Amino acid sequence: MTKAVTWRGGLRLTADSESGWVSVALIGDQGKVLATSRPVEGSVTDGEVHFDGLNRLEDLAGRSVRLRFVLQRAKLFSFVLTR
């Protein structure tokens, strides 16, 4: 899990998950899961992460969240918060 960051509305990542997947959960201040991503599969460079559980992730913009990455037979190389 990352330290607290200010959510900007989107997330992109670079990962190698040819034989597995990467998923991400957005965790709020109180430790509650706000949204969970769809699994990202395959080798991805600067791929957009899509979340379930919220209609508009932009509504969280400016809020403090932590990111919890779950990797199954995958390597995470980088991630960036986007608008």
N, C-alpha and C. Protein backbone atom coordinates (compact mmCIF):
# COMPACT_ATOMS: atom_id res chain seq x y z
N MET A 1 0.85 -1.16 0.00
CA MET A 1 0.00 0.00 0.00
C MET A 1 0.89 1.23 0.00
N THR A 2 0.47 2.23 -0.76
CA THR A 2 1.25 3.47 -0.83
C THR A 2 0.97 4.35 0.38
N LYS A 3 1.78 5.36 0.53
CA LYS A 3 1.46 6.40 1.51
C LYS A 3 0.28 7.19 0.93
N ALA A 4 -0.30 8.05 1.74
CA ALA A 4 -1.43 8.85 1.28
C ALA A 4 -0.99 9.80 0.17
N VAL A 5 -1.82 9.86 -0.88
CA VAL A 5 -1.57 10.76 -2.01
C VAL A 5 -2.88 11.49 -2.30
N THR A 6 -2.78 12.61 -2.99
CA THR A 6 -3.98 13.35 -3.38
C THR A 6 -4.46 12.81 -4.72
N TRP A 7 -5.69 12.27 -4.74
CA TRP A 7 -6.26 11.70 -5.95
C TRP A 7 -6.55 12.80 -6.95
N ARG A 8 -6.16 12.57 -8.21
CA ARG A 8 -6.34 13.59 -9.24
C ARG A 8 -7.42 13.21 -10.25
N GLY A 9 -7.95 11.99 -10.16
CA GLY A 9 -9.05 11.62 -11.05
C GLY A 9 -8.79 10.41 -11.92
N GLY A 10 -7.54 9.97 -12.04
CA GLY A 10 -7.23 8.81 -12.86
C GLY A 10 -5.89 8.21 -12.50
N LEU A 11 -5.64 7.03 -13.06
CA LEU A 11 -4.40 6.30 -12.77
C LEU A 11 -3.95 5.56 -14.02
N ARG A 12 -2.65 5.64 -14.30
CA ARG A 12 -2.05 4.89 -15.41
C ARG A 12 -0.88 4.10 -14.83
N LEU A 13 -0.60 2.95 -15.43
CA LEU A 13 0.52 2.15 -14.94
C LEU A 13 1.25 1.45 -16.07
N THR A 14 2.47 1.03 -15.75
CA THR A 14 3.28 0.22 -16.64
C THR A 14 3.60 -1.06 -15.88
N ALA A 15 3.24 -2.20 -16.49
CA ALA A 15 3.42 -3.48 -15.80
C ALA A 15 3.61 -4.60 -16.82
N ASP A 16 4.22 -5.67 -16.35
CA ASP A 16 4.34 -6.90 -17.14
C ASP A 16 3.53 -7.96 -16.41
N SER A 17 2.38 -8.28 -16.97
CA SER A 17 1.51 -9.28 -16.35
C SER A 17 1.05 -10.28 -17.41
N GLU A 18 1.97 -10.71 -18.25
CA GLU A 18 1.66 -11.64 -19.34
C GLU A 18 0.95 -12.89 -18.86
N SER A 19 1.37 -13.42 -17.72
CA SER A 19 0.74 -14.66 -17.24
C SER A 19 -0.05 -14.42 -15.96
N GLY A 20 -0.41 -13.17 -15.69
CA GLY A 20 -1.13 -12.85 -14.47
C GLY A 20 -1.91 -11.57 -14.64
N TRP A 21 -1.98 -10.79 -13.54
CA TRP A 21 -2.74 -9.55 -13.56
C TRP A 21 -2.30 -8.63 -12.42
N VAL A 22 -2.71 -7.37 -12.55
CA VAL A 22 -2.51 -6.36 -11.52
C VAL A 22 -3.87 -5.72 -11.26
N SER A 23 -4.23 -5.55 -9.99
CA SER A 23 -5.42 -4.78 -9.66
C SER A 23 -5.06 -3.75 -8.60
N VAL A 24 -5.89 -2.72 -8.50
CA VAL A 24 -5.63 -1.61 -7.59
C VAL A 24 -6.90 -1.29 -6.83
N ALA A 25 -6.76 -1.05 -5.53
CA ALA A 25 -7.88 -0.58 -4.72
C ALA A 25 -7.56 0.82 -4.23
N LEU A 26 -8.54 1.70 -4.26
CA LEU A 26 -8.42 3.03 -3.67
C LEU A 26 -8.93 2.95 -2.25
N ILE A 27 -8.08 3.32 -1.30
CA ILE A 27 -8.40 3.23 0.11
C ILE A 27 -8.55 4.64 0.68
N GLY A 28 -9.67 4.92 1.32
CA GLY A 28 -9.93 6.23 1.90
C GLY A 28 -9.25 6.43 3.23
N ASP A 29 -9.44 7.62 3.80
CA ASP A 29 -8.82 8.00 5.08
C ASP A 29 -9.10 7.03 6.21
N GLN A 30 -10.29 6.49 6.24
CA GLN A 30 -10.70 5.60 7.33
C GLN A 30 -10.38 4.13 7.05
N GLY A 31 -9.64 3.87 5.97
CA GLY A 31 -9.28 2.49 5.63
C GLY A 31 -10.33 1.76 4.82
N LYS A 32 -11.39 2.45 4.41
CA LYS A 32 -12.46 1.85 3.62
C LYS A 32 -12.08 1.81 2.14
N VAL A 33 -12.39 0.69 1.48
CA VAL A 33 -12.15 0.58 0.04
C VAL A 33 -13.20 1.43 -0.68
N LEU A 34 -12.74 2.41 -1.44
CA LEU A 34 -13.63 3.30 -2.18
C LEU A 34 -13.94 2.78 -3.57
N ALA A 35 -12.98 2.08 -4.18
CA ALA A 35 -13.16 1.53 -5.51
C ALA A 35 -12.08 0.48 -5.75
N THR A 36 -12.41 -0.48 -6.60
CA THR A 36 -11.47 -1.54 -6.98
C THR A 36 -11.37 -1.57 -8.50
N SER A 37 -10.17 -1.71 -9.00
CA SER A 37 -9.98 -1.70 -10.45
C SER A 37 -10.34 -3.05 -11.07
N ARG A 38 -10.60 -3.00 -12.35
CA ARG A 38 -10.68 -4.23 -13.13
C ARG A 38 -9.24 -4.74 -13.27
N PRO A 39 -9.03 -6.05 -13.35
CA PRO A 39 -7.66 -6.55 -13.49
C PRO A 39 -7.01 -6.05 -14.80
N VAL A 40 -5.76 -5.67 -14.69
CA VAL A 40 -4.97 -5.28 -15.85
C VAL A 40 -4.15 -6.50 -16.23
N GLU A 41 -4.32 -6.98 -17.46
CA GLU A 41 -3.65 -8.18 -17.90
C GLU A 41 -2.74 -7.86 -19.08
N GLY A 42 -1.70 -8.67 -19.26
CA GLY A 42 -0.77 -8.48 -20.36
C GLY A 42 0.30 -7.45 -20.05
N SER A 43 1.18 -7.24 -20.99
CA SER A 43 2.20 -6.20 -20.84
C SER A 43 1.57 -4.87 -21.20
N VAL A 44 1.67 -3.91 -20.29
CA VAL A 44 1.02 -2.62 -20.46
C VAL A 44 2.04 -1.52 -20.23
N THR A 45 2.08 -0.56 -21.15
CA THR A 45 2.92 0.62 -20.99
C THR A 45 2.02 1.83 -20.95
N ASP A 46 2.02 2.52 -19.82
CA ASP A 46 1.20 3.71 -19.63
C ASP A 46 -0.28 3.41 -19.88
N GLY A 47 -0.74 2.27 -19.38
CA GLY A 47 -2.13 1.86 -19.58
C GLY A 47 -3.06 2.46 -18.54
N GLU A 48 -4.24 2.85 -18.98
CA GLU A 48 -5.23 3.42 -18.07
C GLU A 48 -5.85 2.32 -17.22
N VAL A 49 -6.01 2.61 -15.94
CA VAL A 49 -6.63 1.67 -15.01
C VAL A 49 -8.10 2.05 -14.88
N HIS A 50 -8.99 1.07 -15.04
CA HIS A 50 -10.44 1.29 -14.96
C HIS A 50 -10.96 0.74 -13.65
N PHE A 51 -11.76 1.54 -12.95
CA PHE A 51 -12.25 1.18 -11.63
C PHE A 51 -13.73 0.88 -11.64
N ASP A 52 -14.13 -0.06 -10.78
CA ASP A 52 -15.53 -0.35 -10.51
C ASP A 52 -15.87 0.22 -9.14
N GLY A 53 -17.13 0.43 -8.86
CA GLY A 53 -17.53 0.85 -7.53
C GLY A 53 -17.84 2.33 -7.40
N LEU A 54 -17.41 3.11 -8.36
CA LEU A 54 -17.74 4.54 -8.35
C LEU A 54 -18.16 4.95 -9.74
N ASN A 55 -19.19 5.78 -9.82
CA ASN A 55 -19.63 6.24 -11.13
C ASN A 55 -18.65 7.23 -11.73
N ARG A 56 -18.12 8.09 -10.89
CA ARG A 56 -17.21 9.11 -11.38
C ARG A 56 -16.02 9.25 -10.43
N LEU A 57 -14.88 8.73 -10.86
CA LEU A 57 -13.68 8.84 -10.02
C LEU A 57 -13.23 10.28 -9.87
N GLU A 58 -13.64 11.12 -10.81
CA GLU A 58 -13.27 12.53 -10.71
C GLU A 58 -13.85 13.16 -9.45
N ASP A 59 -14.96 12.57 -8.94
CA ASP A 59 -15.57 13.11 -7.73
C ASP A 59 -14.65 12.97 -6.51
N LEU A 60 -13.68 12.08 -6.59
CA LEU A 60 -12.72 11.91 -5.50
C LEU A 60 -11.54 12.88 -5.62
N ALA A 61 -11.46 13.61 -6.71
CA ALA A 61 -10.32 14.51 -6.95
C ALA A 61 -10.12 15.44 -5.76
N GLY A 62 -8.88 15.53 -5.33
CA GLY A 62 -8.52 16.38 -4.21
C GLY A 62 -8.56 15.67 -2.87
N ARG A 63 -9.13 14.47 -2.83
CA ARG A 63 -9.18 13.70 -1.58
C ARG A 63 -7.91 12.90 -1.39
N SER A 64 -7.60 12.66 -0.15
CA SER A 64 -6.43 11.85 0.20
C SER A 64 -6.82 10.37 0.14
N VAL A 65 -6.07 9.59 -0.62
CA VAL A 65 -6.31 8.15 -0.75
C VAL A 65 -4.97 7.43 -0.69
N ARG A 66 -5.04 6.14 -0.43
CA ARG A 66 -3.88 5.27 -0.58
C ARG A 66 -4.21 4.25 -1.66
N LEU A 67 -3.20 3.79 -2.36
CA LEU A 67 -3.39 2.79 -3.41
C LEU A 67 -2.86 1.45 -2.91
N ARG A 68 -3.68 0.43 -3.03
CA ARG A 68 -3.24 -0.92 -2.67
C ARG A 68 -3.17 -1.73 -3.97
N PHE A 69 -1.95 -2.10 -4.34
CA PHE A 69 -1.72 -2.89 -5.54
C PHE A 69 -1.69 -4.36 -5.18
N VAL A 70 -2.40 -5.18 -5.97
CA VAL A 70 -2.36 -6.63 -5.82
C VAL A 70 -1.83 -7.19 -7.13
N LEU A 71 -0.73 -7.94 -7.05
CA LEU A 71 -0.10 -8.50 -8.23
C LEU A 71 -0.15 -10.02 -8.17
N GLN A 72 -0.59 -10.62 -9.25
CA GLN A 72 -0.59 -12.07 -9.39
C GLN A 72 0.27 -12.41 -10.60
N ARG A 73 1.42 -13.01 -10.36
CA ARG A 73 2.36 -13.34 -11.44
C ARG A 73 2.59 -12.12 -12.35
N ALA A 74 2.95 -10.99 -11.73
CA ALA A 74 3.11 -9.74 -12.46
C ALA A 74 4.20 -8.89 -11.82
N LYS A 75 4.70 -7.94 -12.60
CA LYS A 75 5.68 -6.97 -12.13
C LYS A 75 5.14 -5.58 -12.42
N LEU A 76 5.15 -4.73 -11.41
CA LEU A 76 4.72 -3.34 -11.57
C LEU A 76 5.97 -2.48 -11.68
N PHE A 77 6.06 -1.72 -12.77
CA PHE A 77 7.24 -0.89 -13.00
C PHE A 77 7.01 0.57 -12.60
N SER A 78 5.83 1.09 -12.87
CA SER A 78 5.56 2.48 -12.51
C SER A 78 4.06 2.75 -12.52
N PHE A 79 3.69 3.83 -11.85
CA PHE A 79 2.30 4.31 -11.91
C PHE A 79 2.32 5.82 -11.79
N VAL A 80 1.29 6.45 -12.33
CA VAL A 80 1.18 7.91 -12.26
C VAL A 80 -0.29 8.27 -12.10
N LEU A 81 -0.54 9.25 -11.24
CA LEU A 81 -1.89 9.78 -11.07
C LEU A 81 -2.12 10.79 -12.17
N THR A 82 -3.31 10.73 -12.78
CA THR A 82 -3.65 11.62 -13.89
C THR A 82 -4.97 12.32 -13.62
N ARG A 83 -5.30 13.28 -14.44
CA ARG A 83 -6.58 13.98 -14.34
C ARG A 83 -7.56 13.38 -15.28
